[in-house]
Amino acid sequence: MARKENAALHNADAGSIRNAVRWGLLLAAVGTIGFRIPRLISEFRQWRDALGAGDALNADTWHTVLKVDLLAGLVVLTIGVAAYFLLRPRTRVAK
Protein backbone atom coordinates (compact mmCIF):
# COMPACT_ATOMS: atom_id res chain seq x y z
CA MET A 1 0.00 0.00 0.00
CA ALA A 2 2.87 2.37 0.80
CA ARG A 3 4.21 1.80 -2.69
CA LYS A 4 1.00 3.13 -4.27
CA GLU A 5 1.05 6.19 -2.03
CA ASN A 6 4.68 6.85 -2.98
CA ALA A 7 3.85 6.55 -6.67
CA ALA A 8 0.95 8.96 -6.26
CA LEU A 9 3.22 11.50 -4.59
CA HIS A 10 5.77 11.38 -7.41
CA ASN A 11 3.28 11.58 -10.28
CA ALA A 12 2.40 15.01 -11.56
CA ASP A 13 -1.08 16.24 -10.81
CA ALA A 14 -3.31 15.79 -13.87
CA GLY A 15 -4.75 19.26 -13.33
CA SER A 16 -1.34 20.87 -13.46
CA ILE A 17 -0.46 19.04 -16.67
CA ARG A 18 -3.76 20.11 -18.17
CA ASN A 19 -3.12 23.72 -17.13
CA ALA A 20 0.39 23.59 -18.56
CA VAL A 21 -0.97 22.36 -21.91
CA ARG A 22 -3.75 24.94 -21.76
CA TRP A 23 -1.43 27.86 -21.15
CA GLY A 24 1.19 26.49 -23.55
CA LEU A 25 -1.28 26.35 -26.43
CA LEU A 26 -2.51 29.86 -25.70
CA LEU A 27 1.06 31.16 -25.49
CA ALA A 28 1.96 29.43 -28.76
CA ALA A 29 -1.05 30.97 -30.49
CA VAL A 30 -0.26 34.46 -29.22
CA GLY A 31 3.41 34.00 -30.12
CA THR A 32 2.46 32.94 -33.64
CA ILE A 33 0.30 36.03 -34.04
CA GLY A 34 3.08 38.22 -32.68
CA PHE A 35 5.52 36.68 -35.14
CA ARG A 36 3.15 37.36 -38.06
CA ILE A 37 2.35 41.00 -37.25
CA PRO A 38 5.48 42.54 -38.86
CA ARG A 39 4.90 40.51 -42.00
CA LEU A 40 1.24 41.56 -42.09
CA ILE A 41 2.26 45.22 -41.76
CA SER A 42 4.74 44.81 -44.61
CA GLU A 43 2.15 43.12 -46.81
CA PHE A 44 -0.36 45.87 -46.03
CA ARG A 45 2.18 48.51 -47.05
CA GLN A 46 3.00 46.63 -50.27
CA TRP A 47 -0.70 46.43 -51.10
CA ARG A 48 -1.22 50.15 -50.45
CA ASP A 49 1.86 51.02 -52.55
CA ALA A 50 0.56 48.90 -55.42
CA LEU A 51 -2.83 50.62 -55.19
CA GLY A 52 -1.15 54.02 -55.26
CA ALA A 53 0.94 53.07 -58.28
CA GLY A 54 -2.16 51.97 -60.19
CA ASP A 55 -0.87 48.42 -60.65
CA ALA A 56 -4.12 46.47 -60.36
CA LEU A 57 -2.59 43.00 -60.82
CA ASN A 58 0.10 43.55 -58.19
CA ALA A 59 -2.43 45.16 -55.83
CA ASP A 60 -4.76 42.19 -56.19
CA THR A 61 -1.90 39.78 -55.51
CA TRP A 62 -0.81 41.63 -52.36
CA HIS A 63 -4.42 41.89 -51.20
CA THR A 64 -4.86 38.13 -51.56
CA VAL A 65 -1.62 37.42 -49.69
CA LEU A 66 -2.66 39.83 -46.95
CA LYS A 67 -6.10 38.21 -46.57
CA VAL A 68 -4.65 34.69 -46.46
CA ASP A 69 -2.04 35.58 -43.82
CA LEU A 70 -4.58 37.46 -41.73
CA LEU A 71 -7.06 34.59 -41.93
CA ALA A 72 -4.37 32.05 -41.00
CA GLY A 73 -3.42 34.13 -37.97
CA LEU A 74 -7.02 34.40 -36.87
CA VAL A 75 -7.50 30.64 -37.23
CA VAL A 76 -4.42 29.97 -35.07
CA LEU A 77 -5.59 32.46 -32.45
CA THR A 78 -9.10 30.98 -32.46
CA ILE A 79 -7.75 27.46 -31.94
CA GLY A 80 -5.52 28.67 -29.10
CA VAL A 81 -8.32 30.51 -27.32
CA ALA A 82 -10.73 27.60 -27.85
CA ALA A 83 -8.20 25.14 -26.40
CA TYR A 84 -7.64 27.48 -23.47
CA PHE A 85 -11.34 27.52 -22.60
CA LEU A 86 -12.03 23.87 -23.39
CA LEU A 87 -9.18 22.65 -21.18
CA ARG A 88 -10.10 24.81 -18.18
CA PRO A 89 -10.53 22.99 -14.88
CA ARG A 90 -14.00 21.68 -14.32
CA THR A 91 -15.75 22.56 -11.12
CA ARG A 92 -16.66 19.63 -8.96
CA VAL A 93 -20.29 19.18 -8.07
CA ALA A 94 -20.89 18.62 -4.36
CA LYS A 95 -22.81 15.44 -3.64
PDB file of N, CA and C in Angstrom:
ATOM      1  N   MET A   1       0.815  -1.188   0.000  1.00  0.00           N
ATOM      2  CA  MET A   1       0.000   0.000   0.000  1.00  0.00           C
ATOM      3  C   MET A   1       0.861   1.255   0.000  1.00  0.00           C
ATOM      4  N   ALA A   2       1.974   1.209   0.726  1.00  0.00           N
ATOM      5  CA  ALA A   2       2.868   2.369   0.803  1.00  0.00           C
ATOM      6  C   ALA A   2       3.472   2.659  -0.565  1.00  0.00           C
ATOM      7  N   ARG A   3       3.641   1.623  -1.347  1.00  0.00           N
ATOM      8  CA  ARG A   3       4.211   1.796  -2.685  1.00  0.00           C
ATOM      9  C   ARG A   3       3.287   2.629  -3.576  1.00  0.00           C
ATOM     10  N   LYS A   4       1.982   2.376  -3.495  1.00  0.00           N
ATOM     11  CA  LYS A   4       1.002   3.134  -4.275  1.00  0.00           C
ATOM     12  C   LYS A   4       0.963   4.584  -3.830  1.00  0.00           C
ATOM     13  N   GLU A   5       1.050   4.823  -2.534  1.00  0.00           N
ATOM     14  CA  GLU A   5       1.053   6.194  -2.034  1.00  0.00           C
ATOM     15  C   GLU A   5       2.293   6.935  -2.507  1.00  0.00           C
ATOM     16  N   ASN A   6       3.432   6.249  -2.493  1.00  0.00           N
ATOM     17  CA  ASN A   6       4.677   6.852  -2.975  1.00  0.00           C
ATOM     18  C   ASN A   6       4.576   7.196  -4.452  1.00  0.00           C
ATOM     19  N   ALA A   7       4.001   6.294  -5.230  1.00  0.00           N
ATOM     20  CA  ALA A   7       3.849   6.545  -6.672  1.00  0.00           C
ATOM     21  C   ALA A   7       2.922   7.728  -6.907  1.00  0.00           C
ATOM     22  N   ALA A   8       1.877   7.843  -6.105  1.00  0.00           N
ATOM     23  CA  ALA A   8       0.953   8.964  -6.260  1.00  0.00           C
ATOM     24  C   ALA A   8       1.620  10.286  -5.923  1.00  0.00           C
ATOM     25  N   LEU A   9       2.520  10.276  -4.959  1.00  0.00           N
ATOM     26  CA  LEU A   9       3.224  11.501  -4.589  1.00  0.00           C
ATOM     27  C   LEU A   9       4.179  11.962  -5.685  1.00  0.00           C
ATOM     28  N   HIS A  10       4.786  11.026  -6.393  1.00  0.00           N
ATOM     29  CA  HIS A  10       5.772  11.376  -7.410  1.00  0.00           C
ATOM     30  C   HIS A  10       5.173  11.682  -8.775  1.00  0.00           C
ATOM     31  N   ASN A  11       3.941  11.273  -9.008  1.00  0.00           N
ATOM     32  CA  ASN A  11       3.281  11.580 -10.278  1.00  0.00           C
ATOM     33  C   ASN A  11       2.818  13.018 -10.280  1.00  0.00           C
ATOM     34  N   ALA A  12       2.883  13.631 -11.440  1.00  0.00           N
ATOM     35  CA  ALA A  12       2.398  15.007 -11.565  1.00  0.00           C
ATOM     36  C   ALA A  12       0.883  15.023 -11.494  1.00  0.00           C
ATOM     37  N   ASP A  13       0.370  16.064 -10.908  1.00  0.00           N
ATOM     38  CA  ASP A  13      -1.077  16.240 -10.813  1.00  0.00           C
ATOM     39  C   ASP A  13      -1.647  16.424 -12.215  1.00  0.00           C
ATOM     40  N   ALA A  14      -2.703  15.701 -12.531  1.00  0.00           N
ATOM     41  CA  ALA A  14      -3.306  15.786 -13.872  1.00  0.00           C
ATOM     42  C   ALA A  14      -3.796  17.194 -14.153  1.00  0.00           C
ATOM     43  N   GLY A  15      -4.283  17.893 -13.144  1.00  0.00           N
ATOM     44  CA  GLY A  15      -4.745  19.259 -13.330  1.00  0.00           C
ATOM     45  C   GLY A  15      -3.614  20.190 -13.707  1.00  0.00           C
ATOM     46  N   SER A  16      -2.446  19.984 -13.123  1.00  0.00           N
ATOM     47  CA  SER A  16      -1.338  20.869 -13.456  1.00  0.00           C
ATOM     48  C   SER A  16      -0.820  20.604 -14.872  1.00  0.00           C
ATOM     49  N   ILE A  17      -0.871  19.355 -15.293  1.00  0.00           N
ATOM     50  CA  ILE A  17      -0.459  19.039 -16.666  1.00  0.00           C
ATOM     51  C   ILE A  17      -1.454  19.661 -17.646  1.00  0.00           C
ATOM     52  N   ARG A  18      -2.725  19.534 -17.305  1.00  0.00           N
ATOM     53  CA  ARG A  18      -3.761  20.110 -18.167  1.00  0.00           C
ATOM     54  C   ARG A  18      -3.607  21.629 -18.240  1.00  0.00           C
ATOM     55  N   ASN A  19      -3.326  22.271 -17.128  1.00  0.00           N
ATOM     56  CA  ASN A  19      -3.119  23.719 -17.127  1.00  0.00           C
ATOM     57  C   ASN A  19      -1.877  24.109 -17.908  1.00  0.00           C
ATOM     58  N   ALA A  20      -0.830  23.297 -17.810  1.00  0.00           N
ATOM     59  CA  ALA A  20       0.391  23.589 -18.565  1.00  0.00           C
ATOM     60  C   ALA A  20       0.130  23.505 -20.066  1.00  0.00           C
ATOM     61  N   VAL A  21      -0.617  22.495 -20.487  1.00  0.00           N
ATOM     62  CA  VAL A  21      -0.966  22.356 -21.906  1.00  0.00           C
ATOM     63  C   VAL A  21      -1.860  23.512 -22.330  1.00  0.00           C
ATOM     64  N   ARG A  22      -2.807  23.848 -21.478  1.00  0.00           N
ATOM     65  CA  ARG A  22      -3.755  24.936 -21.758  1.00  0.00           C
ATOM     66  C   ARG A  22      -3.021  26.252 -21.972  1.00  0.00           C
ATOM     67  N   TRP A  23      -2.164  26.604 -21.031  1.00  0.00           N
ATOM     68  CA  TRP A  23      -1.425  27.864 -21.147  1.00  0.00           C
ATOM     69  C   TRP A  23      -0.382  27.806 -22.260  1.00  0.00           C
ATOM     70  N   GLY A  24       0.208  26.634 -22.473  1.00  0.00           N
ATOM     71  CA  GLY A  24       1.191  26.488 -23.550  1.00  0.00           C
ATOM     72  C   GLY A  24       0.577  26.703 -24.924  1.00  0.00           C
ATOM     73  N   LEU A  25      -0.608  26.158 -25.142  1.00  0.00           N
ATOM     74  CA  LEU A  25      -1.280  26.345 -26.432  1.00  0.00           C
ATOM     75  C   LEU A  25      -1.671  27.802 -26.648  1.00  0.00           C
ATOM     76  N   LEU A  26      -2.151  28.450 -25.583  1.00  0.00           N
ATOM     77  CA  LEU A  26      -2.506  29.860 -25.703  1.00  0.00           C
ATOM     78  C   LEU A  26      -1.267  30.705 -25.977  1.00  0.00           C
ATOM     79  N   LEU A  27      -0.174  30.416 -25.273  1.00  0.00           N
ATOM     80  CA  LEU A  27       1.065  31.155 -25.489  1.00  0.00           C
ATOM     81  C   LEU A  27       1.607  30.934 -26.899  1.00  0.00           C
ATOM     82  N   ALA A  28       1.507  29.709 -27.402  1.00  0.00           N
ATOM     83  CA  ALA A  28       1.960  29.429 -28.763  1.00  0.00           C
ATOM     84  C   ALA A  28       1.124  30.182 -29.788  1.00  0.00           C
ATOM     85  N   ALA A  29      -0.180  30.252 -29.560  1.00  0.00           N
ATOM     86  CA  ALA A  29      -1.052  30.972 -30.489  1.00  0.00           C
ATOM     87  C   ALA A  29      -0.737  32.462 -30.488  1.00  0.00           C
ATOM     88  N   VAL A  30      -0.577  33.033 -29.299  1.00  0.00           N
ATOM     89  CA  VAL A  30      -0.263  34.458 -29.219  1.00  0.00           C
ATOM     90  C   VAL A  30       1.125  34.732 -29.797  1.00  0.00           C
ATOM     91  N   GLY A  31       2.064  33.842 -29.548  1.00  0.00           N
ATOM     92  CA  GLY A  31       3.406  33.999 -30.119  1.00  0.00           C
ATOM     93  C   GLY A  31       3.394  33.930 -31.639  1.00  0.00           C
ATOM     94  N   THR A  32       2.577  33.047 -32.185  1.00  0.00           N
ATOM     95  CA  THR A  32       2.464  32.943 -33.637  1.00  0.00           C
ATOM     96  C   THR A  32       1.888  34.224 -34.229  1.00  0.00           C
ATOM     97  N   ILE A  33       0.880  34.770 -33.576  1.00  0.00           N
ATOM     98  CA  ILE A  33       0.297  36.029 -34.044  1.00  0.00           C
ATOM     99  C   ILE A  33       1.333  37.147 -33.951  1.00  0.00           C
ATOM    100  N   GLY A  34       2.043  37.201 -32.846  1.00  0.00           N
ATOM    101  CA  GLY A  34       3.079  38.222 -32.682  1.00  0.00           C
ATOM    102  C   GLY A  34       4.176  38.120 -33.729  1.00  0.00           C
ATOM    103  N   PHE A  35       4.501  36.893 -34.107  1.00  0.00           N
ATOM    104  CA  PHE A  35       5.517  36.681 -35.138  1.00  0.00           C
ATOM    105  C   PHE A  35       5.020  37.131 -36.511  1.00  0.00           C
ATOM    106  N   ARG A  36       3.725  37.014 -36.758  1.00  0.00           N
ATOM    107  CA  ARG A  36       3.147  37.356 -38.064  1.00  0.00           C
ATOM    108  C   ARG A  36       2.857  38.847 -38.242  1.00  0.00           C
ATOM    109  N   ILE A  37       2.749  39.585 -37.157  1.00  0.00           N
ATOM    110  CA  ILE A  37       2.355  40.997 -37.250  1.00  0.00           C
ATOM    111  C   ILE A  37       3.295  41.829 -38.124  1.00  0.00           C
ATOM    112  N   PRO A  38       4.618  41.740 -37.967  1.00  0.00           N
ATOM    113  CA  PRO A  38       5.479  42.541 -38.857  1.00  0.00           C
ATOM    114  C   PRO A  38       5.306  42.198 -40.336  1.00  0.00           C
ATOM    115  N   ARG A  39       5.107  40.911 -40.616  1.00  0.00           N
ATOM    116  CA  ARG A  39       4.901  40.510 -42.002  1.00  0.00           C
ATOM    117  C   ARG A  39       3.573  41.035 -42.523  1.00  0.00           C
ATOM    118  N   LEU A  40       2.539  41.022 -41.688  1.00  0.00           N
ATOM    119  CA  LEU A  40       1.243  41.565 -42.093  1.00  0.00           C
ATOM    120  C   LEU A  40       1.337  43.059 -42.371  1.00  0.00           C
ATOM    121  N   ILE A  41       2.074  43.779 -41.543  1.00  0.00           N
ATOM    122  CA  ILE A  41       2.256  45.220 -41.764  1.00  0.00           C
ATOM    123  C   ILE A  41       2.979  45.469 -43.081  1.00  0.00           C
ATOM    124  N   SER A  42       3.997  44.679 -43.347  1.00  0.00           N
ATOM    125  CA  SER A  42       4.738  44.812 -44.606  1.00  0.00           C
ATOM    126  C   SER A  42       3.842  44.510 -45.811  1.00  0.00           C
ATOM    127  N   GLU A  43       3.054  43.459 -45.706  1.00  0.00           N
ATOM    128  CA  GLU A  43       2.153  43.116 -46.808  1.00  0.00           C
ATOM    129  C   GLU A  43       1.090  44.195 -47.005  1.00  0.00           C
ATOM    130  N   PHE A  44       0.602  44.781 -45.916  1.00  0.00           N
ATOM    131  CA  PHE A  44      -0.360  45.867 -46.027  1.00  0.00           C
ATOM    132  C   PHE A  44       0.261  47.069 -46.745  1.00  0.00           C
ATOM    133  N   ARG A  45       1.490  47.388 -46.399  1.00  0.00           N
ATOM    134  CA  ARG A  45       2.181  48.509 -47.054  1.00  0.00           C
ATOM    135  C   ARG A  45       2.412  48.231 -48.537  1.00  0.00           C
ATOM    136  N   GLN A  46       2.791  46.999 -48.864  1.00  0.00           N
ATOM    137  CA  GLN A  46       2.999  46.634 -50.266  1.00  0.00           C
ATOM    138  C   GLN A  46       1.700  46.759 -51.052  1.00  0.00           C
ATOM    139  N   TRP A  47       0.607  46.337 -50.449  1.00  0.00           N
ATOM    140  CA  TRP A  47      -0.698  46.426 -51.096  1.00  0.00           C
ATOM    141  C   TRP A  47      -1.078  47.878 -51.331  1.00  0.00           C
ATOM    142  N   ARG A  48      -0.889  48.727 -50.316  1.00  0.00           N
ATOM    143  CA  ARG A  48      -1.224  50.149 -50.453  1.00  0.00           C
ATOM    144  C   ARG A  48      -0.324  50.833 -51.495  1.00  0.00           C
ATOM    145  N   ASP A  49       0.956  50.460 -51.538  1.00  0.00           N
ATOM    146  CA  ASP A  49       1.856  51.023 -52.548  1.00  0.00           C
ATOM    147  C   ASP A  49       1.429  50.621 -53.951  1.00  0.00           C
ATOM    148  N   ALA A  50       1.018  49.367 -54.112  1.00  0.00           N
ATOM    149  CA  ALA A  50       0.562  48.899 -55.425  1.00  0.00           C
ATOM    150  C   ALA A  50      -0.726  49.598 -55.833  1.00  0.00           C
ATOM    151  N   LEU A  51      -1.608  49.867 -54.876  1.00  0.00           N
ATOM    152  CA  LEU A  51      -2.826  50.618 -55.186  1.00  0.00           C
ATOM    153  C   LEU A  51      -2.489  52.036 -55.627  1.00  0.00           C
ATOM    154  N   GLY A  52      -1.536  52.655 -54.924  1.00  0.00           N
ATOM    155  CA  GLY A  52      -1.147  54.024 -55.258  1.00  0.00           C
ATOM    156  C   GLY A  52      -0.464  54.119 -56.615  1.00  0.00           C
ATOM    157  N   ALA A  53       0.239  53.074 -56.996  1.00  0.00           N
ATOM    158  CA  ALA A  53       0.936  53.068 -58.277  1.00  0.00           C
ATOM    159  C   ALA A  53      -0.002  52.743 -59.434  1.00  0.00           C
ATOM    160  N   GLY A  54      -1.204  52.297 -59.135  1.00  0.00           N
ATOM    161  CA  GLY A  54      -2.161  51.970 -60.185  1.00  0.00           C
ATOM    162  C   GLY A  54      -1.936  50.604 -60.800  1.00  0.00           C
ATOM    163  N   ASP A  55      -1.155  49.767 -60.155  1.00  0.00           N
ATOM    164  CA  ASP A  55      -0.870  48.424 -60.654  1.00  0.00           C
ATOM    165  C   ASP A  55      -1.922  47.469 -60.084  1.00  0.00           C
ATOM    166  N   ALA A  56      -2.979  47.250 -60.846  1.00  0.00           N
ATOM    167  CA  ALA A  56      -4.119  46.469 -60.360  1.00  0.00           C
ATOM    168  C   ALA A  56      -3.752  45.003 -60.101  1.00  0.00           C
ATOM    169  N   LEU A  57      -2.945  44.410 -60.982  1.00  0.00           N
ATOM    170  CA  LEU A  57      -2.592  43.002 -60.821  1.00  0.00           C
ATOM    171  C   LEU A  57      -1.750  42.803 -59.561  1.00  0.00           C
ATOM    172  N   ASN A  58      -0.761  43.658 -59.366  1.00  0.00           N
ATOM    173  CA  ASN A  58       0.097  43.553 -58.186  1.00  0.00           C
ATOM    174  C   ASN A  58      -0.698  43.856 -56.919  1.00  0.00           C
ATOM    175  N   ALA A  59      -1.599  44.829 -56.987  1.00  0.00           N
ATOM    176  CA  ALA A  59      -2.426  45.161 -55.830  1.00  0.00           C
ATOM    177  C   ALA A  59      -3.335  43.997 -55.463  1.00  0.00           C
ATOM    178  N   ASP A  60      -3.895  43.338 -56.452  1.00  0.00           N
ATOM    179  CA  ASP A  60      -4.762  42.193 -56.193  1.00  0.00           C
ATOM    180  C   ASP A  60      -3.971  41.046 -55.574  1.00  0.00           C
ATOM    181  N   THR A  61      -2.758  40.832 -56.060  1.00  0.00           N
ATOM    182  CA  THR A  61      -1.905  39.779 -55.510  1.00  0.00           C
ATOM    183  C   THR A  61      -1.580  40.061 -54.046  1.00  0.00           C
ATOM    184  N   TRP A  62      -1.143  41.281 -53.743  1.00  0.00           N
ATOM    185  CA  TRP A  62      -0.813  41.635 -52.360  1.00  0.00           C
ATOM    186  C   TRP A  62      -2.043  41.580 -51.461  1.00  0.00           C
ATOM    187  N   HIS A  63      -3.196  41.949 -51.992  1.00  0.00           N
ATOM    188  CA  HIS A  63      -4.424  41.894 -51.200  1.00  0.00           C
ATOM    189  C   HIS A  63      -4.772  40.452 -50.851  1.00  0.00           C
ATOM    190  N   THR A  64      -4.596  39.551 -51.800  1.00  0.00           N
ATOM    191  CA  THR A  64      -4.858  38.129 -51.557  1.00  0.00           C
ATOM    192  C   THR A  64      -3.896  37.573 -50.516  1.00  0.00           C
ATOM    193  N   VAL A  65      -2.624  37.895 -50.647  1.00  0.00           N
ATOM    194  CA  VAL A  65      -1.623  37.422 -49.686  1.00  0.00           C
ATOM    195  C   VAL A  65      -1.936  37.958 -48.291  1.00  0.00           C
ATOM    196  N   LEU A  66      -2.315  39.214 -48.221  1.00  0.00           N
ATOM    197  CA  LEU A  66      -2.665  39.829 -46.948  1.00  0.00           C
ATOM    198  C   LEU A  66      -3.870  39.135 -46.312  1.00  0.00           C
ATOM    199  N   LYS A  67      -4.904  38.875 -47.098  1.00  0.00           N
ATOM    200  CA  LYS A  67      -6.096  38.213 -46.570  1.00  0.00           C
ATOM    201  C   LYS A  67      -5.788  36.799 -46.081  1.00  0.00           C
ATOM    202  N   VAL A  68      -4.979  36.069 -46.835  1.00  0.00           N
ATOM    203  CA  VAL A  68      -4.649  34.694 -46.455  1.00  0.00           C
ATOM    204  C   VAL A  68      -3.848  34.676 -45.161  1.00  0.00           C
ATOM    205  N   ASP A  69      -2.842  35.540 -45.046  1.00  0.00           N
ATOM    206  CA  ASP A  69      -2.041  35.580 -43.823  1.00  0.00           C
ATOM    207  C   ASP A  69      -2.855  36.038 -42.621  1.00  0.00           C
ATOM    208  N   LEU A  70      -3.734  36.990 -42.822  1.00  0.00           N
ATOM    209  CA  LEU A  70      -4.582  37.460 -41.734  1.00  0.00           C
ATOM    210  C   LEU A  70      -5.548  36.362 -41.292  1.00  0.00           C
ATOM    211  N   LEU A  71      -6.139  35.673 -42.246  1.00  0.00           N
ATOM    212  CA  LEU A  71      -7.059  34.589 -41.925  1.00  0.00           C
ATOM    213  C   LEU A  71      -6.338  33.448 -41.205  1.00  0.00           C
ATOM    214  N   ALA A  72      -5.136  33.115 -41.655  1.00  0.00           N
ATOM    215  CA  ALA A  72      -4.370  32.050 -41.001  1.00  0.00           C
ATOM    216  C   ALA A  72      -4.052  32.431 -39.553  1.00  0.00           C
ATOM    217  N   GLY A  73      -3.695  33.676 -39.332  1.00  0.00           N
ATOM    218  CA  GLY A  73      -3.421  34.130 -37.966  1.00  0.00           C
ATOM    219  C   GLY A  73      -4.649  34.071 -37.089  1.00  0.00           C
ATOM    220  N   LEU A  74      -5.784  34.452 -37.639  1.00  0.00           N
ATOM    221  CA  LEU A  74      -7.025  34.399 -36.867  1.00  0.00           C
ATOM    222  C   LEU A  74      -7.439  32.966 -36.544  1.00  0.00           C
ATOM    223  N   VAL A  75      -7.190  32.054 -37.475  1.00  0.00           N
ATOM    224  CA  VAL A  75      -7.502  30.639 -37.225  1.00  0.00           C
ATOM    225  C   VAL A  75      -6.626  30.103 -36.091  1.00  0.00           C
ATOM    226  N   VAL A  76      -5.333  30.424 -36.128  1.00  0.00           N
ATOM    227  CA  VAL A  76      -4.419  29.970 -35.073  1.00  0.00           C
ATOM    228  C   VAL A  76      -4.841  30.546 -33.722  1.00  0.00           C
ATOM    229  N   LEU A  77      -5.162  31.828 -33.695  1.00  0.00           N
ATOM    230  CA  LEU A  77      -5.592  32.456 -32.449  1.00  0.00           C
ATOM    231  C   LEU A  77      -6.902  31.859 -31.947  1.00  0.00           C
ATOM    232  N   THR A  78      -7.832  31.583 -32.838  1.00  0.00           N
ATOM    233  CA  THR A  78      -9.103  30.979 -32.457  1.00  0.00           C
ATOM    234  C   THR A  78      -8.900  29.592 -31.862  1.00  0.00           C
ATOM    235  N   ILE A  79      -8.033  28.804 -32.461  1.00  0.00           N
ATOM    236  CA  ILE A  79      -7.747  27.463 -31.937  1.00  0.00           C
ATOM    237  C   ILE A  79      -7.103  27.563 -30.561  1.00  0.00           C
ATOM    238  N   GLY A  80      -6.169  28.498 -30.397  1.00  0.00           N
ATOM    239  CA  GLY A  80      -5.518  28.669 -29.103  1.00  0.00           C
ATOM    240  C   GLY A  80      -6.482  29.092 -28.013  1.00  0.00           C
ATOM    241  N   VAL A  81      -7.343  30.045 -28.310  1.00  0.00           N
ATOM    242  CA  VAL A  81      -8.321  30.514 -27.323  1.00  0.00           C
ATOM    243  C   VAL A  81      -9.351  29.418 -27.037  1.00  0.00           C
ATOM    244  N   ALA A  82      -9.777  28.694 -28.053  1.00  0.00           N
ATOM    245  CA  ALA A  82     -10.735  27.599 -27.847  1.00  0.00           C
ATOM    246  C   ALA A  82     -10.122  26.510 -26.969  1.00  0.00           C
ATOM    247  N   ALA A  83      -8.867  26.150 -27.228  1.00  0.00           N
ATOM    248  CA  ALA A  83      -8.204  25.141 -26.403  1.00  0.00           C
ATOM    249  C   ALA A  83      -8.060  25.634 -24.972  1.00  0.00           C
ATOM    250  N   TYR A  84      -7.766  26.907 -24.805  1.00  0.00           N
ATOM    251  CA  TYR A  84      -7.640  27.481 -23.474  1.00  0.00           C
ATOM    252  C   TYR A  84      -8.944  27.323 -22.684  1.00  0.00           C
ATOM    253  N   PHE A  85     -10.070  27.616 -23.308  1.00  0.00           N
ATOM    254  CA  PHE A  85     -11.341  27.519 -22.599  1.00  0.00           C
ATOM    255  C   PHE A  85     -11.843  26.084 -22.479  1.00  0.00           C
ATOM    256  N   LEU A  86     -11.565  25.249 -23.466  1.00  0.00           N
ATOM    257  CA  LEU A  86     -12.029  23.865 -23.395  1.00  0.00           C
ATOM    258  C   LEU A  86     -11.257  23.047 -22.373  1.00  0.00           C
ATOM    259  N   LEU A  87     -10.009  23.399 -22.119  1.00  0.00           N
ATOM    260  CA  LEU A  87      -9.177  22.649 -21.176  1.00  0.00           C
ATOM    261  C   LEU A  87      -9.190  23.248 -19.771  1.00  0.00           C
ATOM    262  N   ARG A  88     -10.061  24.204 -19.513  1.00  0.00           N
ATOM    263  CA  ARG A  88     -10.098  24.809 -18.179  1.00  0.00           C
ATOM    264  C   ARG A  88     -10.559  23.771 -17.157  1.00  0.00           C
ATOM    265  N   PRO A  89     -10.132  23.944 -15.922  1.00  0.00           N
ATOM    266  CA  PRO A  89     -10.528  22.987 -14.881  1.00  0.00           C
ATOM    267  C   PRO A  89     -12.033  22.974 -14.695  1.00  0.00           C
ATOM    268  N   ARG A  90     -12.560  21.812 -14.525  1.00  0.00           N
ATOM    269  CA  ARG A  90     -13.995  21.683 -14.316  1.00  0.00           C
ATOM    270  C   ARG A  90     -14.289  21.808 -12.826  1.00  0.00           C
ATOM    271  N   THR A  91     -15.362  22.461 -12.513  1.00  0.00           N
ATOM    272  CA  THR A  91     -15.747  22.561 -11.117  1.00  0.00           C
ATOM    273  C   THR A  91     -16.398  21.260 -10.678  1.00  0.00           C
ATOM    274  N   ARG A  92     -16.107  20.878  -9.490  1.00  0.00           N
ATOM    275  CA  ARG A  92     -16.659  19.632  -8.962  1.00  0.00           C
ATOM    276  C   ARG A  92     -18.016  19.912  -8.331  1.00  0.00           C
ATOM    277  N   VAL A  93     -18.952  19.040  -8.618  1.00  0.00           N
ATOM    278  CA  VAL A  93     -20.289  19.183  -8.074  1.00  0.00           C
ATOM    279  C   VAL A  93     -20.333  18.485  -6.715  1.00  0.00           C
ATOM    280  N   ALA A  94     -20.782  19.213  -5.698  1.00  0.00           N
ATOM    281  CA  ALA A  94     -20.887  18.619  -4.360  1.00  0.00           C
ATOM    282  C   ALA A  94     -22.040  17.617  -4.321  1.00  0.00           C
ATOM    283  N   LYS A  95     -21.779  16.484  -3.720  1.00  0.00           N
ATOM    284  CA  LYS A  95     -22.813  15.436  -3.635  1.00  0.00           C
ATOM    285  C   LYS A  95     -23.441  15.436  -2.270  1.00  0.00           C
TER     286      LYS A  95
END
